[in-house]
PDB file of N, CA and C in Angstrom:
ATOM      1  N   MET A   1       0.746  -9.591  12.306  1.00  0.00           N
ATOM      2  CA  MET A   1       1.253  -9.222  11.263  1.00  0.00           C
ATOM      3  C   MET A   1       1.702  -7.520  10.996  1.00  0.00           C
ATOM      4  N   THR A   2       2.508  -6.972  10.479  1.00  0.00           N
ATOM      5  CA  THR A   2       2.895  -5.675  10.279  1.00  0.00           C
ATOM      6  C   THR A   2       2.884  -4.940   8.905  1.00  0.00           C
ATOM      7  N   ILE A   3       1.824  -4.019   8.740  1.00  0.00           N
ATOM      8  CA  ILE A   3       1.977  -3.351   7.357  1.00  0.00           C
ATOM      9  C   ILE A   3       3.184  -2.222   7.464  1.00  0.00           C
ATOM     10  N   ARG A   4       4.019  -2.299   6.557  1.00  0.00           N
ATOM     11  CA  ARG A   4       5.155  -1.605   6.263  1.00  0.00           C
ATOM     12  C   ARG A   4       5.113  -0.428   5.251  1.00  0.00           C
ATOM     13  N   VAL A   5       5.188   0.726   5.741  1.00  0.00           N
ATOM     14  CA  VAL A   5       5.020   1.777   4.358  1.00  0.00           C
ATOM     15  C   VAL A   5       6.051   2.577   4.803  1.00  0.00           C
ATOM     16  N   HIS A   6       6.823   2.858   3.890  1.00  0.00           N
ATOM     17  CA  HIS A   6       8.103   3.708   3.701  1.00  0.00           C
ATOM     18  C   HIS A   6       7.649   4.911   3.672  1.00  0.00           C
ATOM     19  N   SER A   7       8.261   6.015   4.551  1.00  0.00           N
ATOM     20  CA  SER A   7       7.726   7.318   4.839  1.00  0.00           C
ATOM     21  C   SER A   7       7.695   8.255   3.676  1.00  0.00           C
ATOM     22  N   LEU A   8       8.612   7.895   2.360  1.00  0.00           N
ATOM     23  CA  LEU A   8       8.354   8.566   1.107  1.00  0.00           C
ATOM     24  C   LEU A   8       6.985   8.273   0.358  1.00  0.00           C
ATOM     25  N   SER A   9       6.566   7.193   0.870  1.00  0.00           N
ATOM     26  CA  SER A   9       5.125   6.333   0.209  1.00  0.00           C
ATOM     27  C   SER A   9       4.112   7.274   0.209  1.00  0.00           C
ATOM     28  N   ASN A  10       2.720   7.019  -0.562  1.00  0.00           N
ATOM     29  CA  ASN A  10       1.794   7.621  -0.448  1.00  0.00           C
ATOM     30  C   ASN A  10       0.731   6.495  -1.044  1.00  0.00           C
ATOM     31  N   GLU A  11       0.229   5.678  -0.258  1.00  0.00           N
ATOM     32  CA  GLU A  11      -0.242   4.414  -0.762  1.00  0.00           C
ATOM     33  C   GLU A  11      -1.397   3.917   0.314  1.00  0.00           C
ATOM     34  N   PHE A  12      -2.407   3.388  -0.169  1.00  0.00           N
ATOM     35  CA  PHE A  12      -3.488   2.817   0.314  1.00  0.00           C
ATOM     36  C   PHE A  12      -3.160   1.736   1.399  1.00  0.00           C
ATOM     37  N   ILE A  13      -3.686   1.580   2.371  1.00  0.00           N
ATOM     38  CA  ILE A  13      -3.501   0.680   3.218  1.00  0.00           C
ATOM     39  C   ILE A  13      -5.066   0.041   3.485  1.00  0.00           C
ATOM     40  N   ARG A  14      -5.265  -1.237   3.340  1.00  0.00           N
ATOM     41  CA  ARG A  14      -6.597  -1.898   3.751  1.00  0.00           C
ATOM     42  C   ARG A  14      -6.836  -2.739   4.800  1.00  0.00           C
ATOM     43  N   VAL A  15      -7.798  -2.592   5.773  1.00  0.00           N
ATOM     44  CA  VAL A  15      -8.283  -3.534   6.916  1.00  0.00           C
ATOM     45  C   VAL A  15      -9.236  -4.230   6.511  1.00  0.00           C
ATOM     46  N   PRO A  16      -9.159  -5.671   6.397  1.00  0.00           N
ATOM     47  CA  PRO A  16     -10.306  -6.346   6.220  1.00  0.00           C
ATOM     48  C   PRO A  16     -11.307  -6.138   7.406  1.00  0.00           C
ATOM     49  N   VAL A  17     -12.693  -6.021   6.693  1.00  0.00           N
ATOM     50  CA  VAL A  17     -13.946  -5.846   7.857  1.00  0.00           C
ATOM     51  C   VAL A  17     -14.752  -6.963   7.626  1.00  0.00           C
ATOM     52  N   ARG A  18     -15.006  -7.633   8.599  1.00  0.00           N
ATOM     53  CA  ARG A  18     -16.052  -8.728   8.831  1.00  0.00           C
ATOM     54  C   ARG A  18     -17.435  -8.482   9.555  1.00  0.00           C
ATOM     55  N   ALA A  19     -18.410  -8.371   8.808  1.00  0.00           N
ATOM     56  CA  ALA A  19     -19.749  -7.821   9.484  1.00  0.00           C
ATOM     57  C   ALA A  19     -20.693  -8.960   9.405  1.00  0.00           C
ATOM     58  N   ARG A  20     -21.407  -9.416  10.358  1.00  0.00           N
ATOM     59  CA  ARG A  20     -22.084 -10.603  10.432  1.00  0.00           C
ATOM     60  C   ARG A  20     -23.580  -9.800  11.095  1.00  0.00           C
ATOM     61  N   GLU A  21     -24.736 -10.410  10.513  1.00  0.00           N
ATOM     62  CA  GLU A  21     -25.870 -10.344  11.332  1.00  0.00           C
ATOM     63  C   GLU A  21     -26.762 -11.665  11.255  1.00  0.00           C
ATOM     64  N   ALA A  22     -26.965 -11.820  12.617  1.00  0.00           N
ATOM     65  CA  ALA A  22     -27.642 -13.299  12.775  1.00  0.00           C
ATOM     66  C   ALA A  22     -26.784 -14.405  12.248  1.00  0.00           C
ATOM     67  N   GLY A  23     -25.470 -14.398  11.938  1.00  0.00           N
ATOM     68  CA  GLY A  23     -24.533 -15.291  11.565  1.00  0.00           C
ATOM     69  C   GLY A  23     -24.508 -15.360  10.116  1.00  0.00           C
ATOM     70  N   ILE A  24     -25.207 -14.367   9.302  1.00  0.00           N
ATOM     71  CA  ILE A  24     -24.873 -14.270   7.964  1.00  0.00           C
ATOM     72  C   ILE A  24     -23.933 -12.998   7.655  1.00  0.00           C
ATOM     73  N   VAL A  25     -23.037 -13.094   6.819  1.00  0.00           N
ATOM     74  CA  VAL A  25     -22.383 -11.980   6.406  1.00  0.00           C
ATOM     75  C   VAL A  25     -23.135 -10.913   5.499  1.00  0.00           C
ATOM     76  N   VAL A  26     -22.857  -9.623   6.028  1.00  0.00           N
ATOM     77  CA  VAL A  26     -23.354  -8.350   5.444  1.00  0.00           C
ATOM     78  C   VAL A  26     -22.296  -7.445   4.795  1.00  0.00           C
ATOM     79  N   ASN A  27     -22.993  -6.958   3.912  1.00  0.00           N
ATOM     80  CA  ASN A  27     -22.094  -5.779   3.383  1.00  0.00           C
ATOM     81  C   ASN A  27     -22.193  -4.499   3.951  1.00  0.00           C
ATOM     82  N   PRO A  28     -21.158  -4.083   4.716  1.00  0.00           N
ATOM     83  CA  PRO A  28     -21.154  -2.889   5.484  1.00  0.00           C
ATOM     84  C   PRO A  28     -20.873  -1.819   4.641  1.00  0.00           C
ATOM     85  N   THR A  29     -20.537  -1.763   3.345  1.00  0.00           N
ATOM     86  CA  THR A  29     -20.173  -0.645   2.705  1.00  0.00           C
ATOM     87  C   THR A  29     -21.124   0.593   2.358  1.00  0.00           C
ATOM     88  N   GLY A  30     -22.151   0.390   2.810  1.00  0.00           N
ATOM     89  CA  GLY A  30     -23.500   1.486   2.865  1.00  0.00           C
ATOM     90  C   GLY A  30     -23.226   2.567   4.094  1.00  0.00           C
ATOM     91  N   ASN A  31     -22.311   2.071   4.953  1.00  0.00           N
ATOM     92  CA  ASN A  31     -22.134   2.754   6.027  1.00  0.00           C
ATOM     93  C   ASN A  31     -20.843   3.808   5.972  1.00  0.00           C
ATOM     94  N   ALA A  32     -20.666   4.739   6.708  1.00  0.00           N
ATOM     95  CA  ALA A  32     -19.517   5.598   6.676  1.00  0.00           C
ATOM     96  C   ALA A  32     -18.383   4.861   7.428  1.00  0.00           C
ATOM     97  N   VAL A  33     -17.339   4.895   6.964  1.00  0.00           N
ATOM     98  CA  VAL A  33     -16.128   4.478   7.704  1.00  0.00           C
ATOM     99  C   VAL A  33     -14.812   5.389   7.913  1.00  0.00           C
ATOM    100  N   ALA A  34     -14.203   5.116   9.087  1.00  0.00           N
ATOM    101  CA  ALA A  34     -13.186   6.329   9.387  1.00  0.00           C
ATOM    102  C   ALA A  34     -12.178   5.316  10.029  1.00  0.00           C
ATOM    103  N   LEU A  35     -10.853   5.533   9.928  1.00  0.00           N
ATOM    104  CA  LEU A  35      -9.765   5.077  10.410  1.00  0.00           C
ATOM    105  C   LEU A  35      -8.958   5.936  11.400  1.00  0.00           C
ATOM    106  N   ALA A  36      -8.190   5.464  12.402  1.00  0.00           N
ATOM    107  CA  ALA A  36      -7.435   6.190  13.360  1.00  0.00           C
ATOM    108  C   ALA A  36      -6.092   5.264  13.446  1.00  0.00           C
ATOM    109  N   PHE A  37      -4.960   6.173  13.847  1.00  0.00           N
ATOM    110  CA  PHE A  37      -3.761   5.225  14.055  1.00  0.00           C
ATOM    111  C   PHE A  37      -3.111   5.831  15.324  1.00  0.00           C
ATOM    112  N   LYS A  38      -2.883   4.964  16.132  1.00  0.00           N
ATOM    113  CA  LYS A  38      -2.381   5.509  17.577  1.00  0.00           C
ATOM    114  C   LYS A  38      -1.129   4.653  17.845  1.00  0.00           C
ATOM    115  N   SER A  39       0.064   5.512  18.104  1.00  0.00           N
ATOM    116  CA  SER A  39       1.067   5.064  18.774  1.00  0.00           C
ATOM    117  C   SER A  39       1.111   4.579  20.241  1.00  0.00           C
ATOM    118  N   SER A  40       0.288   5.107  20.982  1.00  0.00           N
ATOM    119  CA  SER A  40       0.095   4.555  22.121  1.00  0.00           C
ATOM    120  C   SER A  40      -1.405   5.168  22.481  1.00  0.00           C
ATOM    121  N   GLY A  41      -1.921   4.544  23.475  1.00  0.00           N
ATOM    122  CA  GLY A  41      -3.530   4.820  24.064  1.00  0.00           C
ATOM    123  C   GLY A  41      -4.611   4.506  23.010  1.00  0.00           C
ATOM    124  N   ALA A  42      -5.616   4.703  23.447  1.00  0.00           N
ATOM    125  CA  ALA A  42      -6.939   4.513  22.441  1.00  0.00           C
ATOM    126  C   ALA A  42      -7.417   5.576  21.863  1.00  0.00           C
ATOM    127  N   PRO A  43      -7.958   5.772  20.663  1.00  0.00           N
ATOM    128  CA  PRO A  43      -8.198   6.801  19.969  1.00  0.00           C
ATOM    129  C   PRO A  43      -9.576   7.439  20.537  1.00  0.00           C
ATOM    130  N   ILE A  44      -9.565   8.925  20.307  1.00  0.00           N
ATOM    131  CA  ILE A  44     -10.762   9.593  20.612  1.00  0.00           C
ATOM    132  C   ILE A  44     -11.501   9.927  19.320  1.00  0.00           C
ATOM    133  N   GLY A  45     -12.800  10.728  19.333  1.00  0.00           N
ATOM    134  CA  GLY A  45     -13.226  11.100  18.353  1.00  0.00           C
ATOM    135  C   GLY A  45     -12.775  11.963  17.078  1.00  0.00           C
ATOM    136  N   GLY A  46     -11.874  12.866  17.692  1.00  0.00           N
ATOM    137  CA  GLY A  46     -11.088  13.608  16.514  1.00  0.00           C
ATOM    138  C   GLY A  46     -10.071  12.849  15.975  1.00  0.00           C
ATOM    139  N   ASP A  47      -9.470  11.510  16.383  1.00  0.00           N
ATOM    140  CA  ASP A  47      -8.478  10.794  15.813  1.00  0.00           C
ATOM    141  C   ASP A  47      -8.934  10.231  14.643  1.00  0.00           C
ATOM    142  N   PHE A  48     -10.279   9.889  14.381  1.00  0.00           N
ATOM    143  CA  PHE A  48     -10.696   9.205  13.134  1.00  0.00           C
ATOM    144  C   PHE A  48     -10.830  10.149  11.842  1.00  0.00           C
ATOM    145  N   ILE A  49     -10.402   9.514  10.852  1.00  0.00           N
ATOM    146  CA  ILE A  49     -10.303  10.327   9.595  1.00  0.00           C
ATOM    147  C   ILE A  49     -11.138   9.425   8.320  1.00  0.00           C
ATOM    148  N   ALA A  50     -11.968   9.996   7.982  1.00  0.00           N
ATOM    149  CA  ALA A  50     -12.856   9.313   6.837  1.00  0.00           C
ATOM    150  C   ALA A  50     -12.047   8.466   5.966  1.00  0.00           C
ATOM    151  N   GLY A  51     -12.501   7.308   5.566  1.00  0.00           N
ATOM    152  CA  GLY A  51     -11.785   6.439   4.982  1.00  0.00           C
ATOM    153  C   GLY A  51     -12.940   5.961   3.585  1.00  0.00           C
ATOM    154  N   ALA A  52     -12.486   4.998   2.973  1.00  0.00           N
ATOM    155  CA  ALA A  52     -13.518   4.616   2.043  1.00  0.00           C
ATOM    156  C   ALA A  52     -13.531   3.207   2.075  1.00  0.00           C
ATOM    157  N   TRP A  53     -14.469   2.321   1.241  1.00  0.00           N
ATOM    158  CA  TRP A  53     -14.481   1.012   1.087  1.00  0.00           C
ATOM    159  C   TRP A  53     -13.995   0.412   0.014  1.00  0.00           C
ATOM    160  N   GLU A  54     -13.503  -0.842  -0.128  1.00  0.00           N
ATOM    161  CA  GLU A  54     -13.040  -1.572  -1.131  1.00  0.00           C
ATOM    162  C   GLU A  54     -13.789  -2.797  -1.028  1.00  0.00           C
ATOM    163  N   THR A  55     -14.319  -3.426  -2.371  1.00  0.00           N
ATOM    164  CA  THR A  55     -14.865  -4.916  -2.001  1.00  0.00           C
ATOM    165  C   THR A  55     -13.873  -5.639  -3.023  1.00  0.00           C
ATOM    166  N   ASP A  56     -13.687  -6.914  -2.687  1.00  0.00           N
ATOM    167  CA  ASP A  56     -12.960  -7.980  -3.285  1.00  0.00           C
ATOM    168  C   ASP A  56     -14.000  -9.214  -3.675  1.00  0.00           C
ATOM    169  N   ALA A  57     -14.542  -8.852  -4.925  1.00  0.00           N
ATOM    170  CA  ALA A  57     -15.920  -9.804  -5.325  1.00  0.00           C
ATOM    171  C   ALA A  57     -15.134 -10.964  -5.780  1.00  0.00           C
ATOM    172  N   THR A  58     -13.727 -11.410  -5.830  1.00  0.00           N
ATOM    173  CA  THR A  58     -13.318 -12.582  -6.245  1.00  0.00           C
ATOM    174  C   THR A  58     -13.279 -13.756  -5.033  1.00  0.00           C
ATOM    175  N   THR A  59     -13.546 -13.367  -3.924  1.00  0.00           N
ATOM    176  CA  THR A  59     -13.824 -14.342  -2.983  1.00  0.00           C
ATOM    177  C   THR A  59     -15.060 -14.609  -2.380  1.00  0.00           C
ATOM    178  N   ASP A  60     -15.535 -15.868  -1.748  1.00  0.00           N
ATOM    179  CA  ASP A  60     -16.985 -16.181  -1.350  1.00  0.00           C
ATOM    180  C   ASP A  60     -17.025 -16.420  -0.006  1.00  0.00           C
ATOM    181  N   PRO A  61     -17.440 -15.818   0.705  1.00  0.00           N
ATOM    182  CA  PRO A  61     -18.039 -14.391   0.324  1.00  0.00           C
ATOM    183  C   PRO A  61     -17.294 -13.123   0.009  1.00  0.00           C
ATOM    184  N   ASP A  62     -17.977 -12.336  -0.446  1.00  0.00           N
ATOM    185  CA  ASP A  62     -16.959 -11.117  -0.697  1.00  0.00           C
ATOM    186  C   ASP A  62     -16.435 -10.852   0.559  1.00  0.00           C
ATOM    187  N   THR A  63     -14.950  -9.934   0.175  1.00  0.00           N
ATOM    188  CA  THR A  63     -14.144  -9.562   1.211  1.00  0.00           C
ATOM    189  C   THR A  63     -14.114  -7.796   1.375  1.00  0.00           C
ATOM    190  N   TYR A  64     -14.553  -7.617   2.419  1.00  0.00           N
ATOM    191  CA  TYR A  64     -14.591  -5.993   2.568  1.00  0.00           C
ATOM    192  C   TYR A  64     -13.599  -5.285   3.350  1.00  0.00           C
ATOM    193  N   PHE A  65     -13.052  -4.185   2.556  1.00  0.00           N
ATOM    194  CA  PHE A  65     -11.757  -3.368   3.467  1.00  0.00           C
ATOM    195  C   PHE A  65     -12.060  -2.015   3.699  1.00  0.00           C
ATOM    196  N   ALA A  66     -11.819  -1.452   4.875  1.00  0.00           N
ATOM    197  CA  ALA A  66     -11.643  -0.222   5.149  1.00  0.00           C
ATOM    198  C   ALA A  66     -10.293   0.186   4.492  1.00  0.00           C
ATOM    199  N   ARG A  67     -10.200   1.422   3.807  1.00  0.00           N
ATOM    200  CA  ARG A  67      -9.112   1.915   3.321  1.00  0.00           C
ATOM    201  C   ARG A  67      -8.730   3.401   3.366  1.00  0.00           C
ATOM    202  N   ILE A  68      -7.515   3.693   3.363  1.00  0.00           N
ATOM    203  CA  ILE A  68      -7.190   5.043   3.380  1.00  0.00           C
ATOM    204  C   ILE A  68      -5.743   5.367   2.800  1.00  0.00           C
ATOM    205  N   ARG A  69      -5.286   6.380   2.242  1.00  0.00           N
ATOM    206  CA  ARG A  69      -3.925   6.812   1.914  1.00  0.00           C
ATOM    207  C   ARG A  69      -3.141   7.176   3.162  1.00  0.00           C
ATOM    208  N   VAL A  70      -1.910   6.771   3.274  1.00  0.00           N
ATOM    209  CA  VAL A  70      -1.347   6.776   4.296  1.00  0.00           C
ATOM    210  C   VAL A  70       0.247   6.826   3.545  1.00  0.00           C
ATOM    211  N   GLY A  71       1.061   7.850   4.303  1.00  0.00           N
ATOM    212  CA  GLY A  71       2.405   8.109   3.976  1.00  0.00           C
ATOM    213  C   GLY A  71       2.950   8.818   5.032  1.00  0.00           C
ATOM    214  N   GLY A  72       4.499   9.088   5.043  1.00  0.00           N
ATOM    215  CA  GLY A  72       5.103   9.825   5.884  1.00  0.00           C
ATOM    216  C   GLY A  72       4.791  11.305   6.013  1.00  0.00           C
ATOM    217  N   THR A  73       5.181  12.003   6.968  1.00  0.00           N
ATOM    218  CA  THR A  73       5.207  13.330   6.924  1.00  0.00           C
ATOM    219  C   THR A  73       5.666  14.147   5.578  1.00  0.00           C
ATOM    220  N   GLY A  74       5.041  14.909   5.241  1.00  0.00           N
ATOM    221  CA  GLY A  74       5.361  15.663   3.714  1.00  0.00           C
ATOM    222  C   GLY A  74       5.086  14.838   2.670  1.00  0.00           C
ATOM    223  N   SER A  75       4.389  13.728   2.691  1.00  0.00           N
ATOM    224  CA  SER A  75       4.076  12.719   1.631  1.00  0.00           C
ATOM    225  C   SER A  75       3.037  13.162   0.817  1.00  0.00           C
ATOM    226  N   GLY A  76       2.064  14.026   1.321  1.00  0.00           N
ATOM    227  CA  GLY A  76       0.653  14.299   0.644  1.00  0.00           C
ATOM    228  C   GLY A  76      -0.283  13.320   0.664  1.00  0.00           C
ATOM    229  N   ALA A  77       0.030  12.366   1.600  1.00  0.00           N
ATOM    230  CA  ALA A  77      -1.177  11.278   1.947  1.00  0.00           C
ATOM    231  C   ALA A  77      -2.415  11.808   2.644  1.00  0.00           C
ATOM    232  N   THR A  78      -3.652  11.161   2.588  1.00  0.00           N
ATOM    233  CA  THR A  78      -4.465  11.531   3.463  1.00  0.00           C
ATOM    234  C   THR A  78      -4.149  11.628   4.840  1.00  0.00           C
ATOM    235  N   VAL A  79      -3.427  10.598   5.142  1.00  0.00           N
ATOM    236  CA  VAL A  79      -2.869  10.688   6.685  1.00  0.00           C
ATOM    237  C   VAL A  79      -1.217  10.519   6.506  1.00  0.00           C
ATOM    238  N   GLU A  80      -1.036  11.656   7.137  1.00  0.00           N
ATOM    239  CA  GLU A  80       0.669  11.707   7.157  1.00  0.00           C
ATOM    240  C   GLU A  80       1.384  11.600   8.604  1.00  0.00           C
ATOM    241  N   LEU A  81       2.071  10.344   8.668  1.00  0.00           N
ATOM    242  CA  LEU A  81       2.623   9.978  10.369  1.00  0.00           C
ATOM    243  C   LEU A  81       4.061  10.248  10.365  1.00  0.00           C
ATOM    244  N   ALA A  82       4.522  10.303  11.490  1.00  0.00           N
ATOM    245  CA  ALA A  82       6.082  10.332  11.596  1.00  0.00           C
ATOM    246  C   ALA A  82       6.275   9.039  11.609  1.00  0.00           C
ATOM    247  N   ASP A  83       7.679   8.373  11.559  1.00  0.00           N
ATOM    248  CA  ASP A  83       8.167   7.202  11.570  1.00  0.00           C
ATOM    249  C   ASP A  83       7.752   6.472  13.063  1.00  0.00           C
ATOM    250  N   ALA A  84       7.084   5.547  13.101  1.00  0.00           N
ATOM    251  CA  ALA A  84       6.685   4.767  14.187  1.00  0.00           C
ATOM    252  C   ALA A  84       5.918   3.496  14.120  1.00  0.00           C
ATOM    253  N   LYS A  85       5.212   2.875  15.104  1.00  0.00           N
ATOM    254  CA  LYS A  85       4.499   1.686  14.970  1.00  0.00           C
ATOM    255  C   LYS A  85       3.191   2.263  15.374  1.00  0.00           C
ATOM    256  N   TYR A  86       2.255   1.898  14.710  1.00  0.00           N
ATOM    257  CA  TYR A  86       0.745   2.385  14.909  1.00  0.00           C
ATOM    258  C   TYR A  86      -0.162   1.181  15.289  1.00  0.00           C
ATOM    259  N   ARG A  87      -1.065   1.336  15.980  1.00  0.00           N
ATOM    260  CA  ARG A  87      -2.301   0.686  16.091  1.00  0.00           C
ATOM    261  C   ARG A  87      -3.337   1.153  15.321  1.00  0.00           C
ATOM    262  N   VAL A  88      -4.101   0.495  14.409  1.00  0.00           N
ATOM    263  CA  VAL A  88      -4.988   0.754  13.568  1.00  0.00           C
ATOM    264  C   VAL A  88      -6.269   0.375  14.177  1.00  0.00           C
ATOM    265  N   PHE A  89      -7.191   1.550  13.759  1.00  0.00           N
ATOM    266  CA  PHE A  89      -8.598   1.488  14.650  1.00  0.00           C
ATOM    267  C   PHE A  89      -9.652   1.840  13.288  1.00  0.00           C
ATOM    268  N   VAL A  90     -10.779   1.038  13.143  1.00  0.00           N
ATOM    269  CA  VAL A  90     -11.682   1.371  12.017  1.00  0.00           C
ATOM    270  C   VAL A  90     -13.067   1.551  12.972  1.00  0.00           C
ATOM    271  N   LYS A  91     -13.741   2.774  12.523  1.00  0.00           N
ATOM    272  CA  LYS A  91     -15.087   3.094  13.247  1.00  0.00           C
ATOM    273  C   LYS A  91     -15.974   3.028  12.007  1.00  0.00           C
ATOM    274  N   ILE A  92     -17.028   2.411  12.188  1.00  0.00           N
ATOM    275  CA  ILE A  92     -18.087   2.233  11.354  1.00  0.00           C
ATOM    276  C   ILE A  92     -19.258   2.625  11.972  1.00  0.00           C
ATOM    277  N   THR A  93     -20.046   3.704  11.219  1.00  0.00           N
ATOM    278  CA  THR A  93     -21.120   4.234  11.271  1.00  0.00           C
ATOM    279  C   THR A  93     -22.319   3.542  10.957  1.00  0.00           C
ATOM    280  N   ALA A  94     -22.776   2.680  11.862  1.00  0.00           N
ATOM    281  CA  ALA A  94     -24.037   1.840  11.303  1.00  0.00           C
ATOM    282  C   ALA A  94     -25.105   2.137  12.334  1.00  0.00           C
ATOM    283  N   THR A  95     -25.701   3.124  12.173  1.00  0.00           N
ATOM    284  CA  THR A  95     -26.820   3.430  13.276  1.00  0.00           C
ATOM    285  C   THR A  95     -27.916   2.695  13.311  1.00  0.00           C
ATOM    286  N   PRO A  96     -28.016   2.076  14.679  1.00  0.00           N
ATOM    287  CA  PRO A  96     -27.724   2.870  16.230  1.00  0.00           C
ATOM    288  C   PRO A  96     -26.469   2.467  16.572  1.00  0.00           C
ATOM    289  N   GLU A  97     -25.879   1.205  15.891  1.00  0.00           N
ATOM    290  CA  GLU A  97     -24.456   0.751  16.442  1.00  0.00           C
ATOM    291  C   GLU A  97     -23.364   1.706  15.431  1.00  0.00           C
ATOM    292  N   ILE A  98     -22.230   1.968  16.538  1.00  0.00           N
ATOM    293  CA  ILE A  98     -21.005   2.562  15.886  1.00  0.00           C
ATOM    294  C   ILE A  98     -19.700   1.655  16.443  1.00  0.00           C
ATOM    295  N   PRO A  99     -19.785   0.579  15.959  1.00  0.00           N
ATOM    296  CA  PRO A  99     -18.521  -0.205  16.479  1.00  0.00           C
ATOM    297  C   PRO A  99     -17.198   0.293  16.062  1.00  0.00           C
ATOM    298  N   VAL A 100     -16.093   0.057  17.041  1.00  0.00           N
ATOM    299  CA  VAL A 100     -14.800   0.414  16.753  1.00  0.00           C
ATOM    300  C   VAL A 100     -14.102  -0.840  16.809  1.00  0.00           C
ATOM    301  N   ILE A 101     -13.256  -1.259  15.709  1.00  0.00           N
ATOM    302  CA  ILE A 101     -12.598  -2.385  15.520  1.00  0.00           C
ATOM    303  C   ILE A 101     -11.062  -1.917  15.673  1.00  0.00           C
ATOM    304  N   GLU A 102     -10.284  -2.640  16.409  1.00  0.00           N
ATOM    305  CA  GLU A 102      -8.795  -2.548  16.388  1.00  0.00           C
ATOM    306  C   GLU A 102      -8.478  -3.776  15.258  1.00  0.00           C
ATOM    307  N   SER A 103      -7.632  -3.091  14.308  1.00  0.00           N
ATOM    308  CA  SER A 103      -7.028  -4.515  13.343  1.00  0.00           C
ATOM    309  C   SER A 103      -6.207  -5.188  14.035  1.00  0.00           C
ATOM    310  N   ASP A 104      -6.076  -6.409  13.479  1.00  0.00           N
ATOM    311  CA  ASP A 104      -4.931  -7.387  14.018  1.00  0.00           C
ATOM    312  C   ASP A 104      -3.580  -7.115  13.479  1.00  0.00           C
ATOM    313  N   GLU A 105      -3.366  -6.052  12.486  1.00  0.00           N
ATOM    314  CA  GLU A 105      -2.245  -5.847  11.956  1.00  0.00           C
ATOM    315  C   GLU A 105      -1.785  -4.435  12.612  1.00  0.00           C
ATOM    316  N   LEU A 106      -0.488  -4.053  12.752  1.00  0.00           N
ATOM    317  CA  LEU A 106       0.190  -2.919  13.134  1.00  0.00           C
ATOM    318  C   LEU A 106       0.715  -2.122  11.814  1.00  0.00           C
ATOM    319  N   LEU A 107       0.732  -0.891  11.864  1.00  0.00           N
ATOM    320  CA  LEU A 107       1.113  -0.088  10.638  1.00  0.00           C
ATOM    321  C   LEU A 107       2.680   0.541  10.990  1.00  0.00           C
ATOM    322  N   GLU A 108       3.506   0.256  10.489  1.00  0.00           N
ATOM    323  CA  GLU A 108       4.917   0.753  10.690  1.00  0.00           C
ATOM    324  C   GLU A 108       5.306   1.738   9.507  1.00  0.00           C
ATOM    325  N   VAL A 109       5.333   3.087   9.848  1.00  0.00           N
ATOM    326  CA  VAL A 109       6.035   4.100   8.926  1.00  0.00           C
ATOM    327  C   VAL A 109       7.471   3.992   9.430  1.00  0.00           C
ATOM    328  N   TYR A 110       8.391   3.689   8.152  1.00  0.00           N
ATOM    329  CA  TYR A 110       9.673   3.956   8.412  1.00  0.00           C
ATOM    330  C   TYR A 110      10.713   4.667   7.343  1.00  0.00           C
ATOM    331  N   SER A 111      11.877   5.180   7.562  1.00  0.00           N
ATOM    332  CA  SER A 111      12.476   5.824   6.893  1.00  0.00           C
ATOM    333  C   SER A 111      13.626   4.819   6.267  1.00  0.00           C
TER     334      SER A 111
END
């Protein structure tokens, strides 16, 4: 699936995060979360930008999303991206583990 964001837009994108420990769903929102957007290659440390958590408590179990505001160049969004398709990565700092998860969805910024 592709998330499409117009280059004039300034909006949150949400990436679902499923965390389990010993087969039980755990709430990851106590951990720092960051996102990276890559049109090619893998992210490196400096590519990650601090994001925030969102919880959908209307589902059972709750659904957790890493989110950040994205828009085109000059949009004023937290992350300004040129028109292109991007792979989306989520990094969760859950000491001692720091998983980096690639989203199943692509992000397309277009004009």
